[in-house]
Protein backbone atom coordinates (compact mmCIF):
# COMPACT_ATOMS: atom_id res chain seq x y z
CA MET A 1 72.43 13.05 69.77
CA ASP A 2 72.66 14.53 73.27
CA ASN A 3 69.21 15.76 74.32
CA SER A 4 70.82 18.30 76.65
CA SER A 5 72.57 20.10 73.79
CA PRO A 6 70.78 22.98 71.97
CA SER A 7 70.42 20.91 68.81
CA GLY A 8 68.96 18.03 70.80
CA GLN A 9 66.48 20.33 72.48
CA VAL A 10 65.41 21.72 69.08
CA ALA A 11 65.02 18.20 67.68
CA ARG A 12 62.95 17.18 70.70
CA LEU A 13 60.85 20.32 70.34
CA TRP A 14 59.94 19.40 66.74
CA ASN A 15 59.21 15.75 67.57
CA ASP A 16 56.76 16.14 70.43
CA ARG A 17 52.97 16.05 70.11
CA LEU A 18 52.78 19.67 68.99
CA GLY A 19 55.93 19.71 66.87
CA ARG A 20 54.90 17.01 64.40
CA PRO A 21 51.53 18.65 63.55
CA ALA A 22 53.38 21.96 63.25
CA ILE A 23 55.78 20.48 60.69
CA ARG A 24 52.83 19.04 58.74
CA ALA A 25 51.02 22.39 58.89
CA ALA A 26 54.13 24.18 57.60
CA GLN A 27 54.36 21.73 54.71
CA VAL A 28 50.70 22.31 53.83
CA LEU A 29 51.14 26.09 53.98
CA LEU A 30 54.19 25.84 51.74
CA LEU A 31 52.26 23.79 49.17
CA LEU A 32 49.34 26.23 49.31
CA ALA A 33 51.69 29.18 48.82
CA LEU A 34 53.30 27.44 45.85
CA ALA A 35 49.88 26.66 44.35
CA ALA A 36 48.79 30.28 44.87
CA CYS A 37 51.91 31.53 43.08
CA VAL A 38 51.26 29.17 40.17
CA VAL A 39 47.62 30.24 39.90
CA PHE A 40 48.60 33.92 40.07
CA ALA A 41 51.17 33.43 37.30
CA LEU A 42 48.62 31.61 35.14
CA THR A 43 46.04 34.36 35.58
CA ARG A 44 48.64 36.94 34.51
CA LEU A 45 49.27 34.87 31.35
CA SER A 46 45.59 34.30 30.55
CA LEU A 47 46.09 35.35 26.92
CA LEU A 48 48.37 32.33 26.52
CA VAL A 49 46.99 29.87 29.08
CA ILE A 50 43.30 29.98 28.11
CA PRO A 51 43.81 29.29 24.36
CA VAL A 52 46.18 26.42 25.21
CA LEU A 53 43.70 24.87 27.67
CA ILE A 54 40.81 25.20 25.21
CA ALA A 55 42.96 23.72 22.45
CA MET A 56 43.85 20.77 24.70
CA VAL A 57 40.17 20.09 25.45
CA VAL A 58 39.16 20.27 21.77
CA ALA A 59 42.18 18.22 20.68
CA ALA A 60 41.25 15.46 23.11
CA ALA A 61 37.77 15.34 21.56
CA LEU A 62 39.02 15.38 17.94
CA ALA A 63 41.98 13.03 18.42
CA PRO A 64 39.94 9.85 17.71
CA LEU A 65 38.98 11.22 14.28
CA VAL A 66 42.62 11.98 13.44
CA GLY A 67 43.62 8.51 14.65
CA PHE A 68 40.85 6.93 12.55
CA LEU A 69 42.03 8.70 9.40
CA ARG A 70 45.67 7.80 10.04
CA ARG A 71 44.78 4.13 10.56
CA ARG A 72 43.12 4.27 7.13
CA GLY A 73 46.46 5.26 5.59
CA TRP A 74 46.07 9.05 5.54
CA PRO A 75 49.27 11.05 6.11
CA ALA A 76 49.46 12.79 9.47
CA LEU A 77 49.39 16.27 7.92
CA LEU A 78 46.39 15.53 5.70
CA ALA A 79 44.43 13.88 8.53
CA THR A 80 45.10 16.84 10.81
CA TRP A 81 44.12 19.46 8.22
CA THR A 82 40.96 17.54 7.30
CA THR A 83 39.84 17.26 10.92
CA LEU A 84 40.68 20.87 11.73
CA LEU A 85 38.99 22.32 8.65
CA ALA A 86 35.92 20.15 9.12
CA GLY A 87 35.57 21.41 12.70
CA LEU A 88 36.01 25.04 11.66
CA VAL A 89 33.50 24.71 8.82
CA LEU A 90 30.94 23.12 11.14
CA LEU A 91 31.46 25.86 13.73
CA GLY A 92 31.18 28.58 11.08
CA LEU A 93 27.97 27.02 9.72
CA VAL A 94 26.36 27.02 13.16
CA VAL A 95 27.39 30.65 13.82
CA TRP A 96 26.05 31.69 10.41
CA LEU A 97 22.68 29.99 10.98
CA VAL A 98 22.31 31.52 14.43
CA THR A 99 23.26 34.99 13.16
CA LEU A 100 20.84 34.70 10.25
CA ALA A 101 17.97 33.70 12.52
CA PHE A 102 18.84 36.49 14.94
CA GLN A 103 18.79 39.08 12.16
CA ASP A 104 15.43 37.84 10.89
CA GLU A 105 13.76 37.83 14.30
CA TRP A 106 15.40 40.92 15.81
CA PRO A 107 12.87 43.54 14.53
CA ASN A 108 9.93 41.47 15.84
CA LEU A 109 11.69 41.00 19.15
CA VAL A 110 12.32 44.73 19.53
CA GLU A 111 8.69 45.48 18.74
CA GLU A 112 7.37 42.88 21.17
CA ALA A 113 9.83 43.99 23.85
CA GLY A 114 8.69 47.61 23.45
CA ARG A 115 5.06 46.52 23.78
CA GLY A 116 5.95 44.50 26.86
CA ILE A 117 7.73 47.47 28.44
CA ASP A 118 4.68 49.66 27.76
CA GLU A 119 2.41 47.08 29.41
CA LEU A 120 4.76 46.91 32.41
CA GLU A 121 4.75 50.70 32.69
CA ALA A 122 0.95 50.77 32.52
CA PHE A 123 0.78 48.13 35.26
CA LEU A 124 3.13 50.11 37.48
CA THR A 125 1.19 53.36 37.09
CA ASP A 126 -2.40 52.06 37.02
CA GLY A 127 -1.99 48.94 39.15
CA PRO A 128 -1.99 48.49 42.92
CA LEU A 129 1.59 49.75 43.31
CA GLY A 130 0.59 53.34 42.59
CA ILE A 131 3.90 54.47 41.06
CA SER A 132 3.66 57.89 39.42
CA PRO A 133 4.80 58.57 35.83
CA ASP A 134 7.30 61.13 37.16
CA GLN A 135 9.06 58.42 39.19
CA ILE A 136 9.25 56.13 36.15
CA GLU A 137 10.64 58.96 34.04
CA SER A 138 13.23 59.72 36.72
CA VAL A 139 14.39 56.08 36.74
CA ARG A 140 14.53 56.08 32.94
CA GLN A 141 16.59 59.29 32.89
CA SER A 142 18.97 57.87 35.49
CA ALA A 143 19.48 54.81 33.32
CA VAL A 144 20.21 56.99 30.27
CA ASP A 145 22.70 59.07 32.26
CA ALA A 146 24.41 55.93 33.54
CA LEU A 147 24.73 54.52 30.02
CA SER A 148 26.25 57.76 28.75
CA SER A 149 28.68 58.18 31.64
CA GLU A 150 32.46 58.10 31.35
CA GLN A 151 32.62 54.77 33.15
CA VAL A 152 30.47 53.13 30.46
CA GLN A 153 32.51 54.75 27.69
CA SER A 154 35.77 53.57 29.24
CA GLY A 155 34.17 50.15 29.61
CA ALA A 156 33.39 50.19 25.91
CA ILE A 157 37.06 50.92 25.20
CA ARG A 158 38.07 48.02 27.44
CA GLY A 159 35.53 45.89 25.62
CA ALA A 160 37.14 46.72 22.28
CA THR A 161 40.52 45.79 23.72
CA ALA A 162 39.10 42.53 25.05
CA ALA A 163 37.62 41.81 21.61
CA ALA A 164 41.04 42.27 20.00
CA GLU A 165 42.59 39.97 22.61
CA ALA A 166 39.83 37.41 21.96
CA VAL A 167 40.66 37.39 18.23
CA ALA A 168 44.37 36.95 19.01
CA SER A 169 43.55 34.15 21.47
CA LEU A 170 41.37 32.44 18.86
CA LEU A 171 44.16 32.47 16.27
CA LEU A 172 46.66 31.21 18.84
CA GLY A 173 44.24 28.48 19.92
CA VAL A 174 43.79 27.27 16.34
CA VAL A 175 47.56 27.05 15.85
CA VAL A 176 48.02 25.19 19.14
CA LEU A 177 45.13 22.88 18.26
CA PHE A 178 46.73 22.03 14.91
CA PHE A 179 50.04 21.02 16.48
CA LEU A 180 48.34 19.09 19.28
CA LEU A 181 46.35 17.08 16.76
CA LYS A 182 49.39 16.44 14.60
CA ASP A 183 52.21 15.98 17.14
CA GLY A 184 50.49 15.77 20.54
CA ARG A 185 51.64 12.23 21.32
CA SER A 186 55.26 12.91 20.35
CA MET A 187 55.30 16.18 22.32
CA PHE A 188 54.05 14.41 25.44
CA ALA A 189 56.63 11.65 24.95
CA PHE A 190 59.33 14.31 24.76
CA LEU A 191 58.15 15.94 27.98
CA ILE A 192 58.34 12.70 29.97
CA THR A 193 61.70 11.63 28.51
CA PRO A 194 63.75 12.77 31.59
CA LEU A 195 61.77 10.44 33.87
CA ARG A 196 63.00 7.01 34.85
CA GLU A 197 61.65 4.05 32.90
CA ALA A 198 59.06 2.91 35.46
CA THR A 199 57.89 6.45 36.17
CA ARG A 200 57.80 7.26 32.46
CA GLN A 201 55.52 4.27 31.79
CA ARG A 202 53.17 5.35 34.55
CA ALA A 203 53.18 8.92 33.24
CA GLN A 204 52.37 7.58 29.78
CA ARG A 205 49.35 5.71 31.15
CA VAL A 206 48.26 8.79 33.10
CA GLY A 207 48.47 10.89 29.93
CA GLU A 208 46.45 8.39 27.92
CA ARG A 209 43.81 8.17 30.64
CA SER A 210 43.64 11.98 30.91
CA VAL A 211 43.08 12.34 27.16
CA GLU A 212 40.44 9.62 27.29
CA VAL A 213 38.55 11.33 30.12
CA LEU A 214 38.85 14.79 28.59
CA GLY A 215 37.72 13.68 25.15
CA GLY A 216 34.92 11.55 26.56
CA TYR A 217 33.70 14.44 28.69
CA LEU A 218 33.60 16.87 25.77
CA ARG A 219 32.02 14.43 23.33
CA GLY A 220 29.45 13.27 25.88
CA THR A 221 28.58 16.83 26.85
CA ALA A 222 28.23 17.77 23.17
CA ILE A 223 25.79 14.88 22.62
CA VAL A 224 23.74 15.82 25.68
CA ALA A 225 23.80 19.51 24.69
CA THR A 226 22.64 18.69 21.16
CA VAL A 227 19.68 16.66 22.42
CA ASP A 228 18.73 19.43 24.87
CA ALA A 229 18.99 22.10 22.18
CA VAL A 230 16.91 20.09 19.68
CA PHE A 231 14.09 19.34 22.13
CA ILE A 232 13.92 22.85 23.55
CA GLY A 233 14.32 24.48 20.12
CA VAL A 234 11.48 22.41 18.64
CA GLY A 235 9.34 23.22 21.67
CA LEU A 236 9.99 26.95 21.27
CA LEU A 237 9.04 26.72 17.58
CA ILE A 238 5.78 24.96 18.45
CA ILE A 239 4.95 27.55 21.12
CA GLY A 240 5.80 30.33 18.67
CA VAL A 241 8.58 32.03 20.61
CA PRO A 242 10.82 34.27 18.48
CA LEU A 243 14.57 33.61 18.24
CA ALA A 244 14.01 29.86 18.71
CA LEU A 245 17.26 28.96 16.91
CA PRO A 246 19.48 31.44 18.82
CA LEU A 247 17.87 30.34 22.08
CA ALA A 248 18.54 26.69 21.16
CA ALA A 249 22.17 27.66 20.54
CA VAL A 250 22.28 29.26 24.01
CA VAL A 251 20.89 26.04 25.47
CA PHE A 252 23.60 24.08 23.64
CA LEU A 253 26.37 26.30 25.04
CA GLY A 254 24.82 26.35 28.50
CA ALA A 255 25.00 22.57 28.71
CA PHE A 256 28.80 22.84 28.91
CA ILE A 257 28.44 24.56 32.30
CA PRO A 258 27.17 21.83 34.67
CA LEU A 259 24.41 22.67 37.16
CA LEU A 260 24.17 26.36 36.26
CA GLY A 261 24.17 26.49 32.45
CA ALA A 262 20.82 24.79 31.93
CA VAL A 263 19.16 27.00 34.55
CA LEU A 264 20.46 30.23 32.99
CA ALA A 265 19.58 29.15 29.45
CA GLY A 266 16.07 28.13 30.51
CA ALA A 267 15.57 31.41 32.35
CA LEU A 268 16.58 33.36 29.22
CA ALA A 269 14.17 31.36 27.04
CA ALA A 270 11.35 31.90 29.55
CA LEU A 271 12.11 35.64 29.70
CA VAL A 272 11.91 35.97 25.91
CA ALA A 273 8.65 34.01 25.91
CA LEU A 274 7.26 36.25 28.66
CA VAL A 275 8.09 39.43 26.78
CA THR A 276 6.87 38.25 23.40
CA ASN A 277 4.13 35.67 24.05
CA GLY A 278 2.81 36.37 27.54
CA LEU A 279 2.75 34.63 30.90
CA LEU A 280 1.14 31.37 29.77
CA ALA A 281 3.79 30.77 27.09
CA ALA A 282 6.54 31.54 29.60
CA LEU A 283 5.13 28.95 32.02
CA VAL A 284 4.98 26.37 29.22
CA VAL A 285 8.63 27.11 28.35
CA VAL A 286 9.62 26.68 32.01
CA ALA A 287 7.81 23.32 32.12
CA LEU A 288 9.53 22.27 28.88
CA VAL A 289 12.98 23.19 30.18
CA VAL A 290 12.38 21.37 33.48
CA ALA A 291 11.17 18.24 31.64
CA VAL A 292 14.17 18.21 29.27
CA ASN A 293 16.63 18.74 32.13
CA GLN A 294 14.97 15.94 34.10
CA LEU A 295 15.26 13.63 31.09
CA GLU A 296 18.92 14.59 30.73
CA GLY A 297 19.79 14.06 34.37
CA ASP A 298 17.95 10.76 34.86
CA LEU A 299 18.48 9.02 31.52
CA LEU A 300 20.64 10.70 28.90
CA ALA A 301 23.65 11.93 30.90
CA PRO A 302 24.26 8.64 32.83
CA VAL A 303 24.12 6.63 29.59
CA VAL A 304 26.25 8.97 27.46
CA MET A 305 28.74 10.16 30.07
CA GLY A 306 29.11 6.86 31.92
CA LYS A 307 31.80 7.16 34.56
CA VAL A 308 33.74 9.91 32.80
CA LEU A 309 32.53 12.61 35.16
CA SER A 310 32.66 10.74 38.48
CA LEU A 311 32.61 13.87 40.62
CA HIS A 312 30.33 14.77 43.49
CA PRO A 313 27.96 17.71 42.77
CA LEU A 314 29.62 19.68 45.58
CA VAL A 315 33.01 19.25 43.88
CA VAL A 316 31.48 20.37 40.58
CA LEU A 317 29.95 23.44 42.21
CA SER A 318 33.23 24.31 43.96
CA ALA A 319 35.16 23.92 40.69
CA LEU A 320 32.64 26.13 38.88
CA THR A 321 32.92 28.82 41.55
CA ALA A 322 36.72 28.79 41.54
CA GLY A 323 36.90 28.79 37.74
CA THR A 324 34.46 31.68 37.45
CA ILE A 325 36.40 33.75 39.99
CA LEU A 326 39.73 33.11 38.26
CA ALA A 327 38.76 33.35 34.59
CA GLY A 328 35.11 34.36 34.25
CA ILE A 329 32.90 32.46 31.81
CA VAL A 330 35.89 30.68 30.25
CA GLY A 331 36.93 29.47 33.69
CA ALA A 332 33.41 28.15 34.28
CA LEU A 333 33.61 26.21 31.01
CA LEU A 334 37.03 24.71 31.75
CA ALA A 335 36.85 24.17 35.51
CA VAL A 336 34.85 20.92 35.53
CA PRO A 337 36.75 19.05 32.76
CA ILE A 338 40.09 20.07 34.27
CA THR A 339 38.95 18.86 37.70
CA ALA A 340 37.71 15.58 36.21
CA VAL A 341 41.02 15.05 34.40
CA ALA A 342 43.04 15.86 37.53
CA TRP A 343 41.08 13.34 39.58
CA ALA A 344 41.34 10.68 36.86
CA ALA A 345 45.10 11.28 36.66
CA VAL A 346 45.47 10.83 40.43
CA LYS A 347 43.49 7.58 40.34
CA GLU A 348 45.47 6.25 37.38
CA TRP A 349 48.76 7.15 39.09
CA ASN A 350 47.65 5.35 42.24
CA ALA A 351 46.53 2.31 40.27
CA THR A 352 50.12 1.57 39.23
CA ALA A 353 51.96 3.12 42.16
CA PRO A 354 54.38 1.03 44.23
CA PRO A 355 53.34 0.49 47.88
CA GLY A 356 53.81 3.64 49.95
CA LYS A 357 53.99 6.00 46.95
CA GLN A 358 50.32 6.65 46.29
CA LEU A 359 49.04 10.21 46.05
CA VAL A 360 45.78 9.13 47.71
CA PRO A 361 46.10 6.16 50.12
CA ASP A 362 44.24 3.03 49.13
CA ARG A 363 42.22 2.04 52.21
CA ALA A 364 41.63 -1.48 50.97
CA SER A 365 45.33 -2.20 50.57
CA GLU A 366 46.06 -0.70 53.97
CA THR A 367 43.47 -2.98 55.56
CA ASP A 368 44.45 -6.14 53.76
CA GLY A 369 48.14 -5.79 54.53
CA PRO A 370 50.74 -8.10 52.95
CA SER A 371 48.28 -10.97 52.54
CA SER A 372 46.72 -9.30 49.48
CA GLU A 373 50.00 -9.76 47.60
CA ALA A 374 51.05 -13.07 49.16
CA GLU A 375 47.95 -14.94 48.02
CA PRO A 376 48.34 -14.28 44.27
CA ALA A 377 52.05 -15.11 44.50
CA GLY A 378 51.32 -18.42 46.14
CA ALA A 379 48.62 -19.22 43.61
CA GLU A 380 51.00 -18.47 40.76
CA SER A 381 53.76 -20.69 42.18
CA SER A 382 51.40 -23.58 42.76
CA THR A 383 50.16 -23.34 39.19
CA THR A 384 53.71 -23.32 37.89
CA ASP A 385 54.72 -26.27 40.01
CA GLY A 386 51.73 -28.25 38.90
């Protein structure tokens, strides 16, 4: 091409020291714009996307049980129904026990909370702060007015709408979970059918590895959460804190939010202990929560989780922040397992990728060069010749 022609000048412009980084920057911006459009579309379809994602996570955890029953000669439909109904019955039993304990302890909690508020008011008026009763009454009246405002009432209407959407999402999630347990493998095989043979085999291995990581993460987290809930629940019973069973359930659920869940659950337990049992009991609860979390982080989680969640704490925190911004509490629950699965899928894809087609470059292979492949080939030929 003639460099003096307009096309040659344009080509030279895009191939100089500034042009090549500009092309790379444009490619990155295009990918970011595409990712932003995908995320925006998913957030608009949250009523569909969230139940499907939750069903995928739960299906990955329950798939080994379905596979175990089918290897024992159970029909696919019977194995799926048995696993699904067993999970629903277990979930319903836990909710029933927590609700029953909450109903039994609620009157005592209200009474103790009222006494605690009275003591706090007495401290504010008679203590060193010198706050007058008129100021406290003004704050109380402002709170009552805020709770009875139109914004709160409209928020209650939105809450009722969100509750109806949650019920619809739950039903949709159960249906999706059933079909994933029954036909998940065949559905995935259908999705990768258009790929070429080599790519399809790699995609199959990536899918199997993703299910393994996702199921291992959920099962490991459930084991860790159960141990945390049992230790903290027994400790709350010994201390005499009301609502020990509901608080243990909160600890169990909080364990599914890495880094932040245990802190929030422990703070709630300490707050209830402070209101109902006093400062000393609250300090004991804080010490108990810290000890259990230390035991989990140093011993239980590394043994149970293994290398399933091989993510840096900064990556976990970033995923939690992004998930919370995009989808609230559900996003916080799903952000870390989705990030772990994505990283595992990239590593598995690279593990079987041909040279030059890795998503993340392998530094060792780049350093070794062609000798890393020539040595095994030579060893194999010498063994064959011998």
